[in-house]
Amino acid sequence: SDESSEDEAQIKWEEQQIKKAVKLSQETYDDASLHKSQPTKPKFDPSVSLPPVNLEIVKKRLTERITSLQDVHRAHQREYEKYMEDIESSKMTVQELEKSSDAAVNYKFYRAMKTYVENLVNCLNEKLKYINDVELAVHLLLQQRAMRVLKRRQDELKNESAYVQHLTSGNDKATNGKLEGDEKTQLLEMCEHRRTCRQQVRECSGEADHHEGMSSDDELTPTEVTEFQKSKDNVLEDSKKVFEDVHADFCDIRKILLKFQEWKEKFPDSYCDAYISFCLPKLLNPLIRVQLINWNPLEQNFTELEEMPWFRAIEEFSGAKKVSESKRDDDPDQEVLPRVIEKTILPKMTAFVKSVWDPLSTSQTKNLVQLCNDVFEKQDLSKNGCSRAKEDLINMVVLRMKKSVEEDVFIPLYPKSSVEDKSSPCSKFQERRFWSAVKLLSNVLLWDGIVQEDTVRDLGLSKLLNRYLLLNLLNTPPGPDNIEKCNKVVACLPGRWFQDLKSGSTLPELLNFCQHLLQCARVLHKNNHSEETKAVLLMLVKVKALHVVEGFIEEYKLEHLKSMI
């Protein structure tokens, strides 16, 4: 046992010695490799000579060093200045944000406004179909009534013309076989009855300056009036139901505009950037049309636009009455009312002119002319004074007047023996047709200043006067009747046409008319009718046919009449 323990100790000692030898050799190897990897430092050799150094080289290198440092300094200075500017800008932004409304409040307002506009547009889109239906229903009622009156007038004109022609020819058979005895007589009696009723009304009102044929003859029978009013009331009742289920915030124009007014006051920049003034006319269009459903500008005592709630609301919103000219150009809301007129009012007026207006009706024409003047005056406040809608309206007026001249004017010519008796049917019918044409001439000339002057002169003078009226005047003997007719024609002519005529000659379209007046003056003077002669000369002076008057005075040595020129 002692020997075995000594052997184990010997073995352990050998192993320890071996491990020490291995460890020692490894450390020796690591030190050698580390020594090899490190570069050897050069040793200073005092025998090696250095390049010469003088003051200029040192100065140059120092200058270069200073220049480099200065460039770096300037770069740092610029960066510093930029940082300081950013700091100042940030401080100002912070101050502005502190002064402005809270961002959360702004976001809440814009989000609420967005939701409101979306709901408003959806509501109006849903109601648009009902608005179109109601508007169309009322317009069809007015159109049907106008067509009924026009058709009756044309039928009665044909029947009465045929009847008078029948009397003139002395033939006992009904003309054209269209209407036999009792039926024709009944229609003529109804026409004569309406004529008598109108005459009684004029006598009661004291209207003296009136001639048969100058009435529009647009009266309806009591049954027709009742049916029309009943149908119209039903449609108007339906129109009241269009927005009955809608909150006032979405159908009251004033409240809608207040929403946008709030936006404009709080955030004017974003309000302008959103072009709200361009959007409002289209947005308000359905609501305005509902208020215009019962509006008929051709009727007497119709509601003025200025008196309507929508007009007052828009006028108040845009401040049209208060704003000065200097501010007008800056505020885009000043264009809202003119654009509403262009987009909504003018198209509705054009529809009335096309389907409802009767050019032979003086009351309708005067109302329409006055409305056009008022509307165009308001539209002229806009920067875009001339618009397509305005041109369409004027073109439709001209088209309707041309149609009326072609279809409504008929002045028959009968033998002199048939019209000598003023109470004969031929004479009465011819007189009525003449005065009806004079009335149309007067209505056409009312449009001077709205329709182009060349167009008005062509329709009124070239077509109506020279083609129809003058032919009747030439066949009327000079005398009180002829003078009265000519005087009425001259009274229709706009005075501004003759203001700039300085040559002594009248308008080219009036040359034939002036020749007729001259012939009348000669005949009257030869028959010693001095007052009538003077009246004719005064008409020539009014139309600036001064050379004609001067020639007449010289021809007949009427020196005492020179004062009228």
Protein backbone atom coordinates (compact mmCIF):
# COMPACT_ATOMS: atom_id res chain seq x y z
CA SER A 1 0.00 0.00 0.00
CA ASP A 2 2.91 2.33 0.70
CA GLU A 3 4.39 1.59 -2.71
CA SER A 4 1.16 2.26 -4.54
CA SER A 5 0.72 5.63 -2.85
CA GLU A 6 4.25 6.67 -3.82
CA ASP A 7 3.59 5.70 -7.44
CA GLU A 8 0.44 7.91 -7.56
CA ALA A 9 2.32 10.86 -6.13
CA GLN A 10 5.06 10.39 -8.73
CA ILE A 11 2.53 10.37 -11.56
CA LYS A 12 0.83 13.56 -10.34
CA TRP A 13 4.18 15.38 -10.04
CA GLU A 14 5.07 14.43 -13.64
CA GLU A 15 1.74 15.70 -14.94
CA GLN A 16 2.20 19.02 -13.17
CA GLN A 17 5.65 19.41 -14.62
CA ILE A 18 4.38 18.72 -18.11
CA LYS A 19 1.58 21.31 -17.77
CA LYS A 20 4.05 23.91 -16.56
CA ALA A 21 6.31 23.24 -19.52
CA VAL A 22 3.42 23.58 -22.02
CA LYS A 23 2.16 26.79 -20.43
CA LEU A 24 5.62 28.30 -20.46
CA SER A 25 6.15 27.54 -24.13
CA GLN A 26 2.75 29.06 -25.05
CA GLU A 27 3.50 32.32 -23.26
CA THR A 28 6.86 32.49 -24.97
CA TYR A 29 5.19 32.10 -28.39
CA ASP A 30 2.55 34.78 -27.71
CA ASP A 31 5.21 37.30 -26.67
CA ALA A 32 7.16 36.65 -29.83
CA SER A 33 4.14 37.13 -32.13
CA LEU A 34 3.12 40.32 -30.34
CA HIS A 35 6.61 41.65 -30.67
CA LYS A 36 6.60 40.96 -34.39
CA SER A 37 3.22 42.65 -35.01
CA GLN A 38 4.27 45.98 -33.40
CA PRO A 39 6.17 48.25 -35.78
CA THR A 40 9.50 49.31 -34.70
CA LYS A 41 9.80 53.00 -33.84
CA PRO A 42 12.28 54.89 -35.88
CA LYS A 43 15.18 55.98 -33.87
CA PHE A 44 16.40 59.56 -34.15
CA ASP A 45 19.63 59.76 -36.00
CA PRO A 46 21.44 63.05 -35.24
CA SER A 47 23.65 62.61 -38.25
CA VAL A 48 20.68 63.14 -40.67
CA SER A 49 20.28 66.81 -41.77
CA LEU A 50 16.77 68.57 -41.58
CA PRO A 51 15.44 71.03 -44.19
CA PRO A 52 16.22 74.62 -43.45
CA VAL A 53 13.45 76.60 -41.62
CA ASN A 54 13.09 80.35 -41.97
CA LEU A 55 10.60 82.98 -40.82
CA GLU A 56 8.69 83.27 -44.13
CA ILE A 57 7.84 79.58 -44.18
CA VAL A 58 6.61 79.71 -40.62
CA LYS A 59 4.62 82.86 -41.35
CA LYS A 60 3.09 81.31 -44.44
CA ARG A 61 2.05 78.16 -42.64
CA LEU A 62 0.61 80.15 -39.76
CA THR A 63 -1.35 82.34 -42.20
CA GLU A 64 -2.76 79.28 -43.92
CA ARG A 65 -3.72 77.86 -40.57
CA ILE A 66 -5.41 81.09 -39.51
CA THR A 67 -7.30 81.32 -42.81
CA SER A 68 -8.55 77.77 -42.41
CA LEU A 69 -9.66 78.49 -38.85
CA GLN A 70 -11.38 81.69 -39.98
CA ASP A 71 -13.34 79.77 -42.68
CA VAL A 72 -14.42 77.25 -40.10
CA HIS A 73 -15.39 80.08 -37.77
CA ARG A 74 -17.46 81.81 -40.43
CA ALA A 75 -19.26 78.54 -41.19
CA HIS A 76 -19.99 78.11 -37.52
CA GLN A 77 -21.17 81.74 -37.36
CA ARG A 78 -23.62 81.20 -40.22
CA GLU A 79 -24.97 78.08 -38.60
CA TYR A 80 -25.33 80.01 -35.38
CA GLU A 81 -27.25 82.84 -37.09
CA LYS A 82 -29.53 80.33 -38.80
CA TYR A 83 -30.20 78.63 -35.51
CA MET A 84 -30.99 82.00 -33.93
CA GLU A 85 -33.42 82.82 -36.78
CA ASP A 86 -35.10 79.46 -36.33
CA ILE A 87 -35.39 80.14 -32.63
CA GLU A 88 -36.98 83.55 -33.25
CA SER A 89 -39.36 82.06 -35.84
CA SER A 90 -40.31 79.32 -33.43
CA LYS A 91 -40.94 81.89 -30.69
CA MET A 92 -43.22 83.89 -33.02
CA THR A 93 -45.07 80.75 -34.06
CA VAL A 94 -45.55 79.85 -30.44
CA GLN A 95 -46.88 83.34 -29.73
CA GLU A 96 -49.29 83.15 -32.69
CA LEU A 97 -50.50 79.77 -31.63
CA GLU A 98 -50.98 81.02 -28.11
CA LYS A 99 -52.98 83.97 -29.41
CA SER A 100 -55.07 81.88 -31.86
CA SER A 101 -57.83 79.48 -30.95
CA ASP A 102 -56.90 76.18 -29.67
CA ALA A 103 -56.10 73.64 -32.40
CA ALA A 104 -58.64 71.23 -31.02
CA VAL A 105 -61.35 73.90 -31.18
CA ASN A 106 -60.44 74.74 -34.80
CA TYR A 107 -60.52 71.10 -35.77
CA LYS A 108 -63.90 70.69 -34.08
CA PHE A 109 -65.33 73.67 -36.00
CA TYR A 110 -64.06 72.47 -39.39
CA ARG A 111 -65.32 68.98 -38.75
CA ALA A 112 -68.74 70.26 -37.72
CA MET A 113 -68.86 72.52 -40.81
CA LYS A 114 -67.91 69.64 -43.07
CA THR A 115 -70.64 67.45 -41.59
CA TYR A 116 -73.19 70.27 -41.90
CA VAL A 117 -72.39 70.94 -45.57
CA GLU A 118 -72.51 67.25 -46.42
CA ASN A 119 -75.91 66.87 -44.76
CA LEU A 120 -77.18 70.05 -46.44
CA VAL A 121 -76.10 68.86 -49.89
CA ASN A 122 -77.61 65.42 -49.33
CA CYS A 123 -80.87 66.99 -48.19
CA LEU A 124 -81.11 69.30 -51.20
CA ASN A 125 -80.23 66.50 -53.60
CA GLU A 126 -83.02 64.40 -52.13
CA LYS A 127 -85.55 67.26 -52.41
CA LEU A 128 -84.48 68.39 -55.88
CA LYS A 129 -86.79 65.96 -57.70
CA TYR A 130 -89.84 67.21 -55.78
CA ILE A 131 -88.89 70.82 -56.42
CA ASN A 132 -88.55 70.17 -60.15
CA ASP A 133 -91.94 68.44 -60.26
CA VAL A 134 -93.78 71.21 -58.43
CA GLU A 135 -92.08 73.95 -60.43
CA LEU A 136 -92.89 72.21 -63.70
CA ALA A 137 -96.53 71.69 -62.66
CA VAL A 138 -97.07 75.41 -62.02
CA HIS A 139 -95.28 76.38 -65.23
CA LEU A 140 -97.41 73.97 -67.26
CA LEU A 141 -100.59 75.50 -65.82
CA LEU A 142 -99.47 78.98 -66.83
CA GLN A 143 -98.32 77.78 -70.23
CA GLN A 144 -101.61 75.99 -70.92
CA ARG A 145 -103.59 79.07 -69.95
CA ALA A 146 -101.47 81.27 -72.24
CA MET A 147 -101.79 78.81 -75.13
CA ARG A 148 -105.54 78.62 -74.61
CA VAL A 149 -105.87 82.41 -74.84
CA LEU A 150 -103.59 82.57 -77.88
CA LYS A 151 -105.44 79.80 -79.70
CA ARG A 152 -108.81 81.40 -78.96
CA ARG A 153 -107.59 84.76 -80.24
CA GLN A 154 -106.26 83.25 -83.47
CA ASP A 155 -109.42 81.17 -84.02
CA GLU A 156 -111.64 84.20 -83.45
CA LEU A 157 -109.51 86.26 -85.81
CA LYS A 158 -109.93 83.65 -88.55
CA ASN A 159 -113.65 83.31 -87.90
CA GLU A 160 -114.30 87.03 -87.80
CA SER A 161 -112.19 87.61 -90.91
CA ALA A 162 -114.08 84.88 -92.73
CA TYR A 163 -117.38 86.28 -91.52
CA VAL A 164 -116.60 89.84 -92.65
CA GLN A 165 -115.26 88.56 -95.95
CA HIS A 166 -118.47 86.62 -96.32
CA LEU A 167 -120.50 89.80 -95.79
CA THR A 168 -118.32 91.71 -98.24
CA SER A 169 -118.68 89.10 -100.97
CA GLY A 170 -122.45 88.87 -100.46
CA ASN A 171 -122.29 85.07 -100.54
CA ASP A 172 -124.82 83.27 -98.33
CA LYS A 173 -122.71 80.15 -97.92
CA ALA A 174 -120.39 79.74 -94.95
CA THR A 175 -116.79 80.44 -95.80
CA ASN A 176 -114.55 77.39 -96.10
CA GLY A 177 -117.30 75.23 -94.64
CA LYS A 178 -115.56 75.24 -91.27
CA LEU A 179 -118.30 76.74 -89.15
CA GLU A 180 -121.96 76.67 -89.91
CA GLY A 181 -124.49 79.33 -88.89
CA ASP A 182 -125.24 78.94 -85.20
CA GLU A 183 -121.76 77.83 -84.14
CA LYS A 184 -120.03 80.72 -85.88
CA THR A 185 -122.57 83.19 -84.57
CA GLN A 186 -122.10 81.91 -81.04
CA LEU A 187 -118.31 82.35 -81.17
CA LEU A 188 -118.62 85.87 -82.56
CA GLU A 189 -121.22 86.76 -79.93
CA MET A 190 -118.89 85.57 -77.16
CA CYS A 191 -116.08 87.71 -78.56
CA GLU A 192 -118.42 90.72 -78.84
CA HIS A 193 -119.65 90.12 -75.29
CA ARG A 194 -116.11 90.26 -73.90
CA ARG A 195 -115.49 93.41 -75.93
CA THR A 196 -118.61 95.04 -74.49
CA CYS A 197 -117.65 94.10 -70.94
CA ARG A 198 -114.20 95.64 -71.36
CA GLN A 199 -115.77 98.80 -72.77
CA GLN A 200 -118.05 99.11 -69.75
CA VAL A 201 -115.09 98.70 -67.40
CA ARG A 202 -113.18 101.43 -69.25
CA GLU A 203 -116.14 103.78 -69.08
CA CYS A 204 -116.44 103.23 -65.34
CA SER A 205 -112.73 103.87 -64.83
CA GLY A 206 -112.78 106.98 -67.01
CA GLU A 207 -110.32 105.63 -69.58
CA ALA A 208 -110.98 107.68 -72.71
CA ASP A 209 -107.84 107.22 -74.84
CA HIS A 210 -108.67 103.73 -76.02
CA HIS A 211 -109.59 102.19 -79.35
CA GLU A 212 -111.23 98.87 -80.10
CA GLY A 213 -108.51 96.34 -80.79
CA MET A 214 -106.06 97.63 -78.18
CA SER A 215 -107.23 95.11 -75.57
CA SER A 216 -105.39 91.84 -75.16
CA ASP A 217 -108.66 89.89 -75.02
CA ASP A 218 -107.14 87.47 -72.52
CA GLU A 219 -110.12 87.09 -70.23
CA LEU A 220 -111.04 83.55 -69.21
CA THR A 221 -114.49 82.23 -68.55
CA PRO A 222 -115.50 81.84 -64.88
CA THR A 223 -115.25 78.07 -65.26
CA GLU A 224 -111.72 78.29 -66.66
CA VAL A 225 -110.66 80.70 -63.92
CA THR A 226 -112.03 78.38 -61.23
CA GLU A 227 -110.34 75.30 -62.68
CA PHE A 228 -107.04 77.09 -63.09
CA GLN A 229 -107.07 78.47 -59.54
CA LYS A 230 -108.03 75.09 -58.09
CA SER A 231 -105.19 73.32 -59.89
CA LYS A 232 -102.74 76.02 -58.91
CA ASP A 233 -103.78 75.88 -55.25
CA ASN A 234 -103.25 72.12 -55.22
CA VAL A 235 -99.73 72.50 -56.59
CA LEU A 236 -98.92 75.29 -54.13
CA GLU A 237 -100.16 73.10 -51.30
CA ASP A 238 -97.77 70.39 -52.46
CA SER A 239 -94.92 72.89 -52.57
CA LYS A 240 -95.41 73.61 -48.86
CA LYS A 241 -94.76 69.95 -48.09
CA VAL A 242 -91.35 69.82 -49.78
CA PHE A 243 -89.41 70.87 -46.69
CA GLU A 244 -91.95 70.09 -43.99
CA ASP A 245 -89.77 67.24 -42.64
CA VAL A 246 -86.54 69.27 -42.75
CA HIS A 247 -85.00 71.19 -39.86
CA ALA A 248 -84.85 74.94 -40.33
CA ASP A 249 -81.04 74.86 -40.30
CA PHE A 250 -81.19 73.04 -43.65
CA CYS A 251 -84.01 74.90 -45.43
CA ASP A 252 -83.95 78.46 -44.04
CA ILE A 253 -81.67 80.52 -46.28
CA ARG A 254 -80.95 83.03 -43.55
CA LYS A 255 -79.79 80.34 -41.11
CA ILE A 256 -77.71 78.64 -43.76
CA LEU A 257 -75.95 81.89 -44.57
CA LEU A 258 -75.31 82.52 -40.88
CA LYS A 259 -73.32 79.29 -40.77
CA PHE A 260 -71.08 80.50 -43.58
CA GLN A 261 -70.93 83.97 -42.05
CA GLU A 262 -69.53 82.41 -38.87
CA TRP A 263 -66.90 80.61 -40.94
CA LYS A 264 -65.98 83.83 -42.69
CA GLU A 265 -65.60 85.76 -39.44
CA LYS A 266 -63.54 83.08 -37.67
CA PHE A 267 -61.31 81.90 -40.50
CA PRO A 268 -61.46 84.38 -43.43
CA ASP A 269 -58.43 82.90 -45.19
CA SER A 270 -59.78 79.36 -45.40
CA TYR A 271 -63.22 80.79 -46.29
CA CYS A 272 -61.76 82.56 -49.32
CA ASP A 273 -59.57 79.59 -50.24
CA ALA A 274 -62.71 77.39 -50.32
CA TYR A 275 -64.37 79.74 -52.91
CA ILE A 276 -67.59 79.81 -50.91
CA SER A 277 -68.91 82.84 -52.80
CA PHE A 278 -68.84 80.74 -55.98
CA CYS A 279 -70.56 77.77 -54.36
CA LEU A 280 -73.40 79.58 -52.56
CA PRO A 281 -75.48 80.50 -55.67
CA LYS A 282 -75.68 76.85 -56.73
CA LEU A 283 -76.21 75.67 -53.17
CA LEU A 284 -79.12 78.09 -52.60
CA ASN A 285 -80.70 77.52 -56.01
CA PRO A 286 -83.25 74.84 -54.94
CA LEU A 287 -84.34 76.84 -51.89
CA ILE A 288 -84.82 80.03 -53.94
CA ARG A 289 -86.80 78.16 -56.59
CA VAL A 290 -89.23 76.95 -53.94
CA GLN A 291 -89.91 80.55 -52.93
CA LEU A 292 -90.41 81.47 -56.61
CA ILE A 293 -92.98 78.78 -57.37
CA ASN A 294 -95.90 81.20 -56.95
CA TRP A 295 -94.01 84.12 -58.53
CA ASN A 296 -95.36 85.37 -61.85
CA PRO A 297 -93.66 88.58 -63.03
CA LEU A 298 -96.23 89.01 -65.82
CA GLU A 299 -99.14 89.54 -63.45
CA GLN A 300 -100.20 92.88 -62.07
CA ASN A 301 -99.00 93.58 -58.52
CA PHE A 302 -96.57 90.67 -58.56
CA THR A 303 -94.17 90.36 -55.64
CA GLU A 304 -90.97 92.31 -56.18
CA LEU A 305 -87.72 90.37 -55.83
CA GLU A 306 -86.52 92.80 -53.16
CA GLU A 307 -89.48 91.88 -50.96
CA MET A 308 -88.77 88.15 -50.97
CA PRO A 309 -87.12 86.54 -47.91
CA TRP A 310 -84.32 84.95 -49.93
CA PHE A 311 -83.37 88.29 -51.51
CA ARG A 312 -83.24 90.13 -48.19
CA ALA A 313 -81.23 87.31 -46.61
CA ILE A 314 -78.59 87.34 -49.38
CA GLU A 315 -78.49 91.14 -49.44
CA GLU A 316 -77.93 91.18 -45.68
CA PHE A 317 -75.28 88.46 -45.94
CA SER A 318 -73.30 90.27 -48.63
CA GLY A 319 -73.87 93.70 -47.11
CA ALA A 320 -74.83 95.06 -50.54
CA LYS A 321 -76.50 98.16 -49.11
CA LYS A 322 -73.70 99.07 -46.72
CA VAL A 323 -70.54 98.22 -48.57
CA SER A 324 -68.54 100.96 -50.24
CA GLU A 325 -67.10 100.75 -53.72
CA SER A 326 -63.57 100.38 -52.34
CA LYS A 327 -64.56 97.32 -50.31
CA ARG A 328 -66.70 95.85 -53.06
CA ASP A 329 -63.70 94.62 -55.02
CA ASP A 330 -62.15 92.98 -51.97
CA ASP A 331 -65.16 91.03 -50.71
CA PRO A 332 -66.02 88.04 -52.93
CA ASP A 333 -69.44 87.77 -51.26
CA GLN A 334 -70.50 90.85 -53.21
CA GLU A 335 -70.79 88.52 -56.21
CA VAL A 336 -73.28 86.16 -54.53
CA LEU A 337 -76.44 88.15 -55.37
CA PRO A 338 -75.50 88.85 -59.03
CA ARG A 339 -74.62 85.18 -59.48
CA VAL A 340 -77.94 84.09 -57.94
CA ILE A 341 -79.71 86.36 -60.41
CA GLU A 342 -77.72 84.88 -63.28
CA LYS A 343 -78.09 81.24 -62.25
CA THR A 344 -81.69 81.25 -60.96
CA ILE A 345 -83.69 84.39 -61.82
CA LEU A 346 -82.72 84.97 -65.46
CA PRO A 347 -83.40 81.34 -66.54
CA LYS A 348 -86.83 81.50 -64.88
CA MET A 349 -87.58 84.79 -66.65
CA THR A 350 -86.51 83.22 -69.94
CA ALA A 351 -88.93 80.34 -69.36
CA PHE A 352 -91.77 82.85 -68.77
CA VAL A 353 -90.89 84.75 -71.95
CA LYS A 354 -90.76 81.56 -73.98
CA SER A 355 -94.01 79.96 -72.84
CA VAL A 356 -96.21 82.43 -70.95
CA TRP A 357 -95.56 86.01 -72.10
CA ASP A 358 -98.02 87.54 -74.55
CA PRO A 359 -96.27 90.28 -76.58
CA LEU A 360 -99.68 91.77 -77.37
CA SER A 361 -100.34 92.40 -73.68
CA THR A 362 -99.17 95.86 -72.68
CA SER A 363 -99.43 95.16 -68.94
CA GLN A 364 -97.36 91.99 -69.23
CA THR A 365 -94.78 93.74 -71.42
CA LYS A 366 -94.43 96.71 -69.07
CA ASN A 367 -94.00 94.42 -66.07
CA LEU A 368 -91.41 92.36 -67.91
CA VAL A 369 -89.49 95.42 -69.14
CA GLN A 370 -89.43 96.93 -65.65
CA LEU A 371 -88.25 93.63 -64.16
CA CYS A 372 -85.47 93.34 -66.76
CA ASN A 373 -84.28 96.86 -66.01
CA ASP A 374 -84.20 96.17 -62.27
CA VAL A 375 -82.49 92.80 -62.63
CA PHE A 376 -79.91 94.01 -65.14
CA GLU A 377 -79.11 96.98 -62.89
CA LYS A 378 -78.38 94.60 -60.01
CA GLN A 379 -76.40 92.34 -62.29
CA ASP A 380 -74.31 95.28 -63.51
CA LEU A 381 -72.92 95.56 -59.99
CA SER A 382 -71.10 92.32 -60.74
CA LYS A 383 -67.68 92.25 -62.34
CA ASN A 384 -69.18 90.05 -65.06
CA GLY A 385 -71.89 92.39 -66.27
CA CYS A 386 -72.51 90.50 -69.50
CA SER A 387 -73.61 86.92 -69.01
CA ARG A 388 -74.84 84.06 -71.15
CA ALA A 389 -78.13 83.92 -69.23
CA LYS A 390 -78.80 87.59 -70.01
CA GLU A 391 -78.09 87.04 -73.70
CA ASP A 392 -80.42 84.02 -73.74
CA LEU A 393 -83.22 86.09 -72.19
CA ILE A 394 -82.86 88.94 -74.69
CA ASN A 395 -82.66 86.52 -77.62
CA MET A 396 -85.86 84.82 -76.44
CA VAL A 397 -87.61 88.22 -76.17
CA VAL A 398 -86.63 89.03 -79.76
CA LEU A 399 -87.76 85.59 -80.95
CA ARG A 400 -91.18 85.95 -79.33
CA MET A 401 -91.68 89.45 -80.75
CA LYS A 402 -90.79 88.24 -84.25
CA LYS A 403 -93.27 85.39 -83.89
CA SER A 404 -95.97 87.78 -82.71
CA VAL A 405 -95.38 90.14 -85.64
CA GLU A 406 -95.65 87.23 -88.05
CA GLU A 407 -98.69 85.54 -86.49
CA ASP A 408 -100.73 88.20 -84.66
CA VAL A 409 -100.67 91.10 -87.14
CA PHE A 410 -103.40 91.11 -89.77
CA ILE A 411 -104.85 94.33 -91.23
CA PRO A 412 -107.27 93.56 -94.08
CA LEU A 413 -107.90 95.91 -96.97
CA TYR A 414 -111.49 96.34 -98.14
CA PRO A 415 -113.02 98.37 -100.95
CA LYS A 416 -113.50 102.02 -100.11
CA SER A 417 -117.25 101.62 -100.32
CA SER A 418 -117.17 98.95 -97.59
CA VAL A 419 -115.31 101.06 -95.02
CA GLU A 420 -116.84 104.50 -95.64
CA ASP A 421 -119.53 103.69 -93.13
CA LYS A 422 -117.67 103.64 -89.80
CA SER A 423 -120.35 101.48 -88.23
CA SER A 424 -120.08 98.74 -90.86
CA PRO A 425 -118.56 95.37 -89.82
CA CYS A 426 -115.77 95.80 -92.37
CA SER A 427 -114.75 99.21 -91.06
CA LYS A 428 -114.92 98.10 -87.41
CA PHE A 429 -112.91 94.95 -88.06
CA GLN A 430 -110.28 96.85 -90.04
CA GLU A 431 -109.98 99.48 -87.32
CA ARG A 432 -109.63 96.87 -84.60
CA ARG A 433 -106.87 95.13 -86.51
CA PHE A 434 -105.04 98.42 -87.11
CA TRP A 435 -105.11 99.44 -83.46
CA SER A 436 -104.05 95.95 -82.42
CA ALA A 437 -100.96 96.36 -84.61
CA VAL A 438 -100.32 99.82 -83.12
CA LYS A 439 -100.48 98.27 -79.68
CA LEU A 440 -97.92 95.64 -80.68
CA LEU A 441 -95.71 98.42 -82.10
CA SER A 442 -95.90 100.25 -78.79
CA ASN A 443 -95.01 97.06 -76.87
CA VAL A 444 -92.07 96.30 -79.16
CA LEU A 445 -90.65 99.82 -78.76
CA LEU A 446 -90.85 99.49 -74.96
CA TRP A 447 -87.84 97.18 -75.23
CA ASP A 448 -85.60 99.98 -76.48
CA GLY A 449 -82.64 100.22 -74.15
CA ILE A 450 -82.75 96.50 -73.33
CA VAL A 451 -82.80 94.93 -76.78
CA GLN A 452 -80.29 96.30 -79.30
CA GLU A 453 -81.60 99.42 -81.05
CA ASP A 454 -81.07 97.98 -84.55
CA THR A 455 -83.23 94.99 -83.69
CA VAL A 456 -86.00 97.13 -82.17
CA ARG A 457 -86.01 99.45 -85.18
CA ASP A 458 -86.12 96.51 -87.56
CA LEU A 459 -89.07 94.89 -85.79
CA GLY A 460 -90.99 98.06 -84.99
CA LEU A 461 -90.33 100.28 -88.00
CA SER A 462 -89.22 98.13 -90.92
CA LYS A 463 -91.68 95.29 -90.29
CA LEU A 464 -94.65 96.63 -88.34
CA LEU A 465 -94.84 100.25 -89.47
CA ASN A 466 -93.71 100.06 -93.08
CA ARG A 467 -95.14 96.63 -93.89
CA TYR A 468 -98.55 96.81 -92.17
CA LEU A 469 -99.50 100.13 -90.56
CA LEU A 470 -98.35 102.44 -93.34
CA LEU A 471 -100.47 100.57 -95.90
CA ASN A 472 -103.58 101.26 -93.83
CA LEU A 473 -102.57 104.90 -93.31
CA LEU A 474 -102.15 105.41 -97.05
CA ASN A 475 -105.69 104.12 -97.58
CA THR A 476 -107.14 106.37 -94.88
CA PRO A 477 -108.27 109.82 -96.16
CA PRO A 478 -106.40 112.78 -94.62
CA GLY A 479 -108.37 114.05 -91.70
CA PRO A 480 -108.86 113.67 -87.96
CA ASP A 481 -108.79 109.85 -88.07
CA ASN A 482 -105.57 109.74 -90.05
CA ILE A 483 -103.96 112.39 -87.83
CA GLU A 484 -104.95 110.47 -84.70
CA LYS A 485 -103.43 107.26 -86.05
CA CYS A 486 -100.20 108.98 -87.09
CA ASN A 487 -100.00 110.81 -83.78
CA LYS A 488 -100.27 107.51 -81.92
CA VAL A 489 -97.48 106.02 -84.02
CA VAL A 490 -95.21 109.01 -83.34
CA ALA A 491 -96.00 108.86 -79.62
CA CYS A 492 -94.68 105.27 -79.53
CA LEU A 493 -91.26 106.23 -80.91
CA PRO A 494 -88.47 106.57 -78.30
CA GLY A 495 -87.31 110.17 -78.06
CA ARG A 496 -83.64 109.24 -77.69
CA TRP A 497 -83.59 107.98 -81.28
CA PHE A 498 -83.83 111.59 -82.51
CA GLN A 499 -81.52 113.33 -80.02
CA ASP A 500 -78.35 112.95 -82.06
CA LEU A 501 -79.89 113.55 -85.49
CA LYS A 502 -78.37 116.85 -86.63
CA SER A 503 -78.58 116.58 -90.40
CA GLY A 504 -82.20 117.65 -90.59
CA SER A 505 -83.22 114.22 -91.84
CA THR A 506 -85.13 111.59 -89.92
CA LEU A 507 -84.33 107.90 -89.49
CA PRO A 508 -84.09 105.93 -92.76
CA GLU A 509 -86.92 103.64 -91.62
CA LEU A 510 -89.25 106.65 -91.24
CA LEU A 511 -88.75 108.20 -94.69
CA ASN A 512 -91.91 106.64 -96.17
CA PHE A 513 -93.93 107.60 -93.09
CA CYS A 514 -92.68 111.18 -93.35
CA GLN A 515 -93.66 111.30 -97.03
CA HIS A 516 -97.16 110.21 -96.05
CA LEU A 517 -97.30 112.98 -93.41
CA LEU A 518 -96.14 115.49 -96.02
CA GLN A 519 -98.90 114.43 -98.43
CA CYS A 520 -101.47 114.71 -95.64
CA ALA A 521 -100.22 118.22 -94.80
CA ARG A 522 -100.56 119.30 -98.44
CA VAL A 523 -104.11 117.98 -98.74
CA LEU A 524 -105.13 119.53 -95.41
CA HIS A 525 -103.58 122.88 -96.35
CA LYS A 526 -105.37 122.93 -99.68
CA ASN A 527 -108.63 122.26 -97.85
CA ASN A 528 -107.87 125.13 -95.45
CA HIS A 529 -107.50 122.94 -92.37
CA SER A 530 -104.78 125.04 -90.75
CA GLU A 531 -104.88 123.43 -87.29
CA GLU A 532 -104.71 119.91 -88.71
CA THR A 533 -101.88 121.02 -91.01
CA LYS A 534 -99.94 122.38 -88.03
CA ALA A 535 -100.51 119.14 -86.12
CA VAL A 536 -99.03 117.14 -89.00
CA LEU A 537 -96.01 119.44 -89.21
CA LEU A 538 -95.45 119.08 -85.48
CA MET A 539 -95.25 115.31 -85.95
CA LEU A 540 -92.62 115.82 -88.64
CA VAL A 541 -90.66 118.05 -86.26
CA LYS A 542 -90.82 115.39 -83.53
CA VAL A 543 -89.19 112.83 -85.82
CA LYS A 544 -86.58 115.44 -86.87
CA ALA A 545 -87.72 115.60 -90.51
CA LEU A 546 -86.78 119.28 -90.45
CA HIS A 547 -85.85 119.53 -94.13
CA VAL A 548 -89.34 118.31 -95.05
CA VAL A 549 -90.98 120.92 -92.79
CA GLU A 550 -88.74 123.71 -94.09
CA GLY A 551 -89.53 122.75 -97.69
CA PHE A 552 -93.26 122.72 -96.96
CA ILE A 553 -93.13 126.15 -95.26
CA GLU A 554 -91.20 127.64 -98.17
CA GLU A 555 -93.48 125.99 -100.74
CA TYR A 556 -96.66 127.45 -99.22
CA LYS A 557 -95.13 130.68 -97.81
CA LEU A 558 -96.06 129.83 -94.22
CA GLU A 559 -93.46 132.01 -92.55
CA HIS A 560 -95.43 132.15 -89.28
CA LEU A 561 -94.83 128.40 -88.77
CA LYS A 562 -91.03 128.65 -88.76
CA SER A 563 -91.07 129.04 -85.00
CA MET A 564 -92.04 125.37 -84.54
CA ILE A 565 -88.77 124.14 -86.09
